[in-house]
Amino acid sequence: MEQFEVIKAVSSILARTLADGVSEAVGHRVPVTFEYGPDARKGKGSLTLVHCELRTRPGKDDREYERLPDGSEQFRDRPLLLRSRYLLSAWATPPEDQALLGAALRLLHDRPALDCKGPEEEAVVAYAGVPTATIDSLELAEHKLLADAYGMPLAPSMTYWVEYRLRSGKVTPIKRVLERVTDFRKIDG
């Protein structure tokens, strides 16, 4: 998995965290999908996680020093510091939809750090820290606008921001001076 897949990886990790934690809290499997479907309310309910906004963010964005396994060194150009906004909606027969959203709210309140599973996800996401989910308010007008944009009805929903980095692919090798020879000569003239 390449590091440019960081947005996809963050979405997958957030969805897995929600599916596992909410399922454990309510006592039955709660699927998490990335788009609304007509059968979202079927069964005991589901959650929809929609990536709805991407922004740059301030922070330390100096070029990165790296030592490779072969002992050579390089600088990687500055990373893009990003934050993604996710719309999380709960689907079930009311008021069970509110219970699903409440379980998700409590889960991300108690454990905001997103846990990577396996070395591939860790290499893509966690090379510069562990991404965390931060809750953000959602006004009714904005909720309606987002729901219409993604072709879904209104449902109990919240938004979350997740911060991460997108590494540059451009690297510059570092060439160290191993030995310096200074030659002094008398120049006649």
Protein backbone atom coordinates (compact mmCIF):
# COMPACT_ATOMS: atom_id res chain seq x y z
CA MET A 1 0.00 0.00 0.00
CA GLU A 2 1.41 3.38 -0.98
CA GLN A 3 1.32 6.40 1.32
CA PHE A 4 -0.76 8.39 -1.19
CA GLU A 5 -3.64 6.10 -0.17
CA VAL A 6 -3.72 7.79 3.24
CA ILE A 7 -7.23 9.27 2.75
CA LYS A 8 -8.64 5.85 1.85
CA ALA A 9 -6.77 4.23 4.75
CA VAL A 10 -8.04 6.79 7.28
CA SER A 11 -11.62 6.25 6.06
CA SER A 12 -11.24 2.45 6.35
CA ILE A 13 -9.70 2.65 9.84
CA LEU A 14 -12.45 5.00 11.05
CA ALA A 15 -15.16 2.72 9.59
CA ARG A 16 -13.61 -0.38 11.19
CA THR A 17 -13.28 1.39 14.55
CA LEU A 18 -16.96 2.39 14.42
CA ALA A 19 -18.17 -1.03 13.27
CA ASP A 20 -16.26 -2.88 16.01
CA GLY A 21 -16.99 -0.45 18.85
CA VAL A 22 -20.67 0.22 18.13
CA SER A 23 -21.37 -3.48 17.50
CA GLU A 24 -19.82 -4.31 20.87
CA ALA A 25 -21.81 -1.56 22.61
CA VAL A 26 -25.25 -2.48 21.22
CA GLY A 27 -24.74 -6.24 21.26
CA HIS A 28 -25.24 -6.98 17.55
CA ARG A 29 -23.37 -6.42 14.29
CA VAL A 30 -23.69 -2.86 12.95
CA PRO A 31 -22.34 -2.46 9.41
CA VAL A 32 -20.66 0.78 8.34
CA THR A 33 -20.97 1.81 4.69
CA PHE A 34 -19.42 4.68 2.75
CA GLU A 35 -22.62 5.67 0.97
CA TYR A 36 -26.34 5.69 1.66
CA GLY A 37 -28.37 2.79 0.30
CA PRO A 38 -32.12 2.15 0.32
CA ASP A 39 -31.70 -0.82 2.67
CA ALA A 40 -29.73 1.14 5.30
CA ARG A 41 -32.57 0.91 7.85
CA LYS A 42 -33.15 -2.82 7.30
CA GLY A 43 -32.27 -5.26 10.02
CA LYS A 44 -31.06 -3.77 13.27
CA GLY A 45 -29.59 -0.68 11.61
CA SER A 46 -26.36 0.59 10.13
CA LEU A 47 -24.06 3.59 10.02
CA THR A 48 -23.01 5.64 7.01
CA LEU A 49 -19.63 7.35 6.97
CA VAL A 50 -19.24 9.89 4.16
CA HIS A 51 -16.00 11.76 3.44
CA CYS A 52 -17.41 15.22 2.77
CA GLU A 53 -14.57 17.74 3.05
CA LEU A 54 -10.80 17.98 2.75
CA ARG A 55 -8.74 20.95 3.97
CA THR A 56 -5.14 21.84 4.53
CA ARG A 57 -4.14 22.66 8.09
CA PRO A 58 -1.37 24.58 9.80
CA GLY A 59 1.49 22.84 11.55
CA LYS A 60 5.13 21.82 11.24
CA ASP A 61 5.67 21.01 7.61
CA ASP A 62 9.46 21.05 7.24
CA ARG A 63 11.15 18.63 4.90
CA GLU A 64 11.80 15.24 6.49
CA TYR A 65 15.14 13.56 7.14
CA GLU A 66 15.16 9.80 6.47
CA ARG A 67 17.78 7.11 6.98
CA LEU A 68 17.23 4.17 4.64
CA PRO A 69 17.90 0.51 5.56
CA ASP A 70 21.05 0.48 3.41
CA GLY A 71 22.52 3.32 5.51
CA SER A 72 22.05 6.08 2.95
CA GLU A 73 20.29 9.31 3.88
CA GLN A 74 17.78 11.52 2.13
CA PHE A 75 15.48 14.48 2.57
CA ARG A 76 11.82 14.14 1.61
CA ASP A 77 10.03 17.32 0.51
CA ARG A 78 7.49 18.87 2.89
CA PRO A 79 4.34 16.81 3.53
CA LEU A 80 0.82 18.09 2.96
CA LEU A 81 -0.88 18.60 6.32
CA LEU A 82 -4.51 17.65 5.82
CA ARG A 83 -7.75 17.28 7.71
CA SER A 84 -10.77 15.36 6.46
CA ARG A 85 -14.34 15.90 7.59
CA TYR A 86 -16.68 12.93 7.82
CA LEU A 87 -20.46 12.89 8.09
CA LEU A 88 -21.59 10.03 10.34
CA SER A 89 -25.29 9.09 10.07
CA ALA A 90 -27.21 6.40 11.95
CA TRP A 91 -29.95 4.35 10.26
CA ALA A 92 -32.49 2.28 12.16
CA THR A 93 -36.12 2.48 13.20
CA PRO A 94 -36.49 5.51 15.49
CA PRO A 95 -35.47 5.79 18.34
CA GLU A 96 -32.96 2.97 17.76
CA ASP A 97 -31.14 5.22 15.26
CA GLN A 98 -30.45 7.62 18.13
CA ALA A 99 -29.04 4.76 20.22
CA LEU A 100 -26.65 3.85 17.36
CA LEU A 101 -25.47 7.45 17.05
CA GLY A 102 -25.09 7.69 20.84
CA ALA A 103 -22.92 4.56 20.86
CA ALA A 104 -20.73 6.04 18.10
CA LEU A 105 -20.46 9.38 19.94
CA ARG A 106 -19.40 7.69 23.16
CA LEU A 107 -16.93 5.42 21.35
CA LEU A 108 -15.11 8.28 19.63
CA HIS A 109 -15.30 10.42 22.78
CA ASP A 110 -13.67 7.72 24.91
CA ARG A 111 -11.20 6.50 22.24
CA PRO A 112 -10.55 9.27 19.69
CA ALA A 113 -7.26 7.75 18.47
CA LEU A 114 -7.65 5.57 15.39
CA ASP A 115 -5.87 2.24 15.79
CA CYS A 116 -3.96 0.93 12.79
CA LYS A 117 -4.04 -2.80 12.14
CA GLY A 118 -0.96 -4.26 10.52
CA PRO A 119 2.28 -2.77 9.23
CA GLU A 120 0.75 -1.60 5.91
CA GLU A 121 -1.80 0.70 7.58
CA GLU A 122 0.78 1.92 10.05
CA ALA A 123 3.21 2.81 7.26
CA VAL A 124 0.50 4.71 5.40
CA VAL A 125 -1.17 6.54 8.29
CA ALA A 126 0.85 6.59 11.47
CA TYR A 127 4.32 7.59 10.32
CA ALA A 128 3.85 11.06 11.85
CA GLY A 129 1.60 10.30 14.81
CA VAL A 130 -1.72 8.61 15.39
CA PRO A 131 -4.72 10.26 13.69
CA THR A 132 -7.55 11.23 16.04
CA ALA A 133 -11.23 11.90 15.43
CA THR A 134 -12.51 15.25 16.76
CA ILE A 135 -16.23 15.98 16.91
CA ASP A 136 -17.64 19.06 15.18
CA SER A 137 -21.08 20.60 15.37
CA LEU A 138 -23.57 20.16 12.55
CA GLU A 139 -26.28 22.77 12.02
CA LEU A 140 -29.60 21.76 10.48
CA ALA A 141 -29.09 23.83 7.31
CA GLU A 142 -25.66 22.29 6.70
CA HIS A 143 -27.01 18.82 7.55
CA LYS A 144 -29.80 19.23 4.98
CA LEU A 145 -27.31 20.48 2.37
CA LEU A 146 -24.97 17.50 2.94
CA ALA A 147 -27.83 14.98 2.96
CA ASP A 148 -29.19 16.35 -0.32
CA ALA A 149 -25.71 16.38 -1.88
CA TYR A 150 -25.17 12.70 -1.06
CA GLY A 151 -28.72 11.60 -1.94
CA MET A 152 -29.87 10.56 1.51
CA PRO A 153 -32.68 11.61 3.82
CA LEU A 154 -32.03 13.35 7.12
CA ALA A 155 -31.03 11.05 9.95
CA PRO A 156 -29.39 11.49 13.35
CA SER A 157 -25.88 12.63 12.36
CA MET A 158 -22.64 14.26 13.50
CA THR A 159 -19.43 15.31 11.81
CA TYR A 160 -15.85 14.46 12.72
CA TRP A 161 -12.48 15.88 11.66
CA VAL A 162 -9.44 13.62 11.30
CA GLU A 163 -5.93 15.09 10.85
CA TYR A 164 -3.11 13.32 9.02
CA ARG A 165 -0.21 13.90 6.60
CA LEU A 166 0.29 13.10 2.95
CA ARG A 167 3.97 12.45 2.33
CA SER A 168 5.74 13.92 -0.66
CA GLY A 169 7.11 11.51 -3.23
CA LYS A 170 10.03 13.79 -4.07
CA VAL A 171 13.30 12.91 -2.31
CA THR A 172 16.80 14.37 -2.45
CA PRO A 173 19.74 12.09 -1.58
CA ILE A 174 22.20 13.43 0.98
CA LYS A 175 25.82 13.13 -0.08
CA ARG A 176 28.18 13.23 2.87
CA VAL A 177 31.78 14.33 2.55
CA LEU A 178 33.86 11.39 3.67
CA GLU A 179 37.30 12.94 3.35
CA ARG A 180 38.51 16.39 2.49
CA VAL A 181 41.95 16.99 1.10
CA THR A 182 43.36 20.50 1.20
CA ASP A 183 46.26 21.14 -1.11
CA PHE A 184 48.35 24.29 -0.54
CA ARG A 185 50.59 25.28 -3.42
CA LYS A 186 52.70 28.25 -3.98
CA ILE A 187 51.76 29.98 -7.16
CA ASP A 188 54.60 31.80 -8.82
CA GLY A 189 53.74 34.81 -10.74
